[in-house]
N, C-alpha and C. Protein backbone atom coordinates (compact mmCIF):
# COMPACT_ATOMS: atom_id res chain seq x y z
N UNK A 1 16.29 -1.16 9.67
CA UNK A 1 15.13 -1.58 9.40
C UNK A 1 14.57 -0.99 7.83
N UNK A 2 13.64 -1.67 7.58
CA UNK A 2 13.32 -1.90 5.52
C UNK A 2 12.25 -0.18 5.81
N UNK A 3 12.52 0.75 4.96
CA UNK A 3 11.91 1.99 4.89
C UNK A 3 11.01 1.58 3.44
N UNK A 4 9.71 2.15 3.21
CA UNK A 4 8.97 2.14 2.54
C UNK A 4 8.56 3.22 1.89
N UNK A 5 8.50 4.08 0.83
CA UNK A 5 8.84 4.87 -0.05
C UNK A 5 7.34 5.58 -0.50
N UNK A 6 6.23 5.61 0.00
CA UNK A 6 4.60 5.50 -0.50
C UNK A 6 4.76 7.26 -1.24
N UNK A 7 4.21 7.04 -2.14
CA UNK A 7 3.47 8.37 -3.05
C UNK A 7 2.63 9.18 -1.88
N UNK A 8 2.85 10.28 -1.66
CA UNK A 8 1.51 11.53 -1.71
C UNK A 8 0.47 11.82 -2.52
N UNK A 9 -0.88 11.43 -2.36
CA UNK A 9 -1.98 12.25 -3.69
C UNK A 9 -1.76 13.76 -3.52
N UNK A 10 -2.04 13.95 -4.75
CA UNK A 10 -1.72 15.37 -4.68
C UNK A 10 -2.87 16.43 -3.96
N UNK A 11 -4.20 15.67 -3.94
CA UNK A 11 -5.28 16.56 -3.71
C UNK A 11 -5.18 17.08 -2.06
N UNK A 12 -4.11 16.12 -1.16
CA UNK A 12 -3.84 16.67 0.16
C UNK A 12 -2.61 18.06 0.26
N UNK A 13 -1.96 18.18 -0.59
CA UNK A 13 -1.03 19.48 -1.04
C UNK A 13 -2.37 20.85 -1.39
N UNK A 14 -3.38 20.05 -2.36
CA UNK A 14 -4.19 21.56 -2.28
C UNK A 14 -5.20 21.72 -1.07
N UNK A 15 -5.52 20.22 -0.23
CA UNK A 15 -6.54 20.92 0.62
C UNK A 15 -5.70 21.42 1.97
N UNK A 16 -4.31 21.38 2.21
CA UNK A 16 -3.97 21.42 3.09
C UNK A 16 -3.97 23.37 2.99
N UNK A 17 -3.51 23.73 1.51
CA UNK A 17 -3.98 24.90 1.36
C UNK A 17 -2.56 25.51 2.07
N UNK A 18 -1.26 25.32 2.01
CA UNK A 18 0.18 25.82 2.78
C UNK A 18 -0.01 25.38 4.13
N UNK A 19 -1.21 25.17 4.80
CA UNK A 19 -0.90 24.54 6.24
C UNK A 19 -0.14 23.55 6.29
N UNK A 20 1.38 24.01 6.90
CA UNK A 20 1.77 22.40 7.51
C UNK A 20 1.44 21.85 8.19
N UNK A 21 0.89 21.63 9.04
CA UNK A 21 0.78 21.70 10.38
C UNK A 21 -0.88 20.54 9.24
N UNK A 22 -1.38 20.84 9.64
CA UNK A 22 -2.87 20.18 8.56
C UNK A 22 -2.33 18.93 7.60
N UNK A 23 -1.27 19.45 6.97
CA UNK A 23 -1.09 18.67 5.59
C UNK A 23 -0.26 17.39 6.34
N UNK A 24 0.52 17.84 7.65
CA UNK A 24 0.83 16.37 8.22
C UNK A 24 -0.17 15.60 8.80
N UNK A 25 -0.93 16.12 9.44
CA UNK A 25 -2.27 15.25 9.72
C UNK A 25 -3.08 14.40 8.41
N UNK A 26 -2.93 15.24 7.26
CA UNK A 26 -3.68 14.41 6.63
C UNK A 26 -2.96 13.26 5.84
N UNK A 27 -1.06 13.62 6.08
CA UNK A 27 -0.79 12.86 5.57
C UNK A 27 -0.56 11.17 6.45
N UNK A 28 -0.61 11.56 7.70
CA UNK A 28 -0.66 10.76 9.02
C UNK A 28 -2.17 9.58 8.63
N UNK A 29 -3.56 10.74 9.01
CA UNK A 29 -4.50 9.91 8.45
C UNK A 29 -4.75 9.21 6.93
N UNK A 30 -3.71 9.83 6.19
CA UNK A 30 -3.58 8.66 4.79
C UNK A 30 -2.90 7.07 5.31
N UNK A 31 -1.88 7.36 5.58
CA UNK A 31 -1.01 6.49 5.72
C UNK A 31 -1.70 5.42 6.93
N UNK A 32 -2.76 5.95 7.94
CA UNK A 32 -3.53 4.84 8.61
C UNK A 32 -4.80 4.44 8.04
N UNK A 33 -5.41 5.42 7.60
CA UNK A 33 -6.35 4.07 6.39
C UNK A 33 -6.13 2.98 5.41
N UNK A 34 -4.48 4.06 4.60
CA UNK A 34 -4.51 2.95 3.41
C UNK A 34 -3.39 2.07 3.54
N UNK A 35 -2.74 2.71 4.38
CA UNK A 35 -1.50 1.74 5.08
C UNK A 35 -1.23 0.87 6.34
N UNK A 36 -2.36 0.22 6.88
CA UNK A 36 -2.41 0.78 8.04
C UNK A 36 -1.39 -0.71 8.79
N UNK A 37 -0.65 -1.60 8.26
CA UNK A 37 0.31 -1.86 8.59
C UNK A 37 2.02 -1.21 8.99
N UNK A 38 2.17 -0.21 8.31
CA UNK A 38 2.85 1.10 8.14
C UNK A 38 2.95 2.54 9.07
N UNK A 39 3.90 2.71 9.45
CA UNK A 39 3.78 3.76 10.33
C UNK A 39 4.71 5.17 9.63
N UNK A 40 4.65 6.06 9.49
CA UNK A 40 5.01 7.47 9.20
C UNK A 40 6.43 7.95 9.94
N UNK A 41 7.25 8.16 8.97
CA UNK A 41 8.94 8.67 9.53
C UNK A 41 8.91 10.05 9.38
N UNK A 42 9.02 10.16 8.30
CA UNK A 42 9.17 11.74 7.71
C UNK A 42 8.86 11.97 6.17
N UNK A 43 8.23 13.01 5.55
CA UNK A 43 8.04 13.42 4.97
C UNK A 43 9.64 14.07 3.72
N UNK A 44 9.43 13.52 2.47
CA UNK A 44 10.63 13.44 1.88
C UNK A 44 9.98 14.55 0.45
N UNK A 45 9.90 15.51 0.12
CA UNK A 45 8.83 16.26 -1.15
C UNK A 45 7.39 15.77 -1.37
N UNK A 46 7.36 14.40 -2.04
CA UNK A 46 6.17 14.52 -2.50
C UNK A 46 5.49 12.84 -1.75
N UNK A 47 6.69 12.33 -0.86
CA UNK A 47 6.56 10.91 -0.55
C UNK A 47 7.01 11.18 1.11
N UNK A 48 6.51 9.93 1.63
CA UNK A 48 5.93 9.83 2.74
C UNK A 48 7.15 8.30 3.04
N UNK A 49 8.24 8.25 4.18
CA UNK A 49 8.83 7.20 4.23
C UNK A 49 8.09 6.62 5.30
N UNK A 50 7.93 5.45 5.28
CA UNK A 50 7.42 4.63 6.33
C UNK A 50 8.17 3.28 6.69
N UNK A 51 7.74 2.88 8.22
CA UNK A 51 8.17 1.56 8.31
C UNK A 51 7.36 0.69 8.57
N UNK A 52 7.59 -0.53 8.79
CA UNK A 52 6.77 -1.14 9.23
C UNK A 52 6.22 -1.08 10.48
N UNK A 53 4.70 -1.08 11.16
CA UNK A 53 4.74 -1.27 12.90
C UNK A 53 4.95 -2.26 13.61
């Protein structure tokens, strides 16, 4: 299956302020609103790896 590497905006790191659970929720919301055809699979550094729904 094809994977897509999407850069995570820096502001999400800043807004989460070290709270990993909140950071993941921000990423899920970002992908849902900005890339509705993709589903997040995992986070690799400053990128989220997604697949098509």
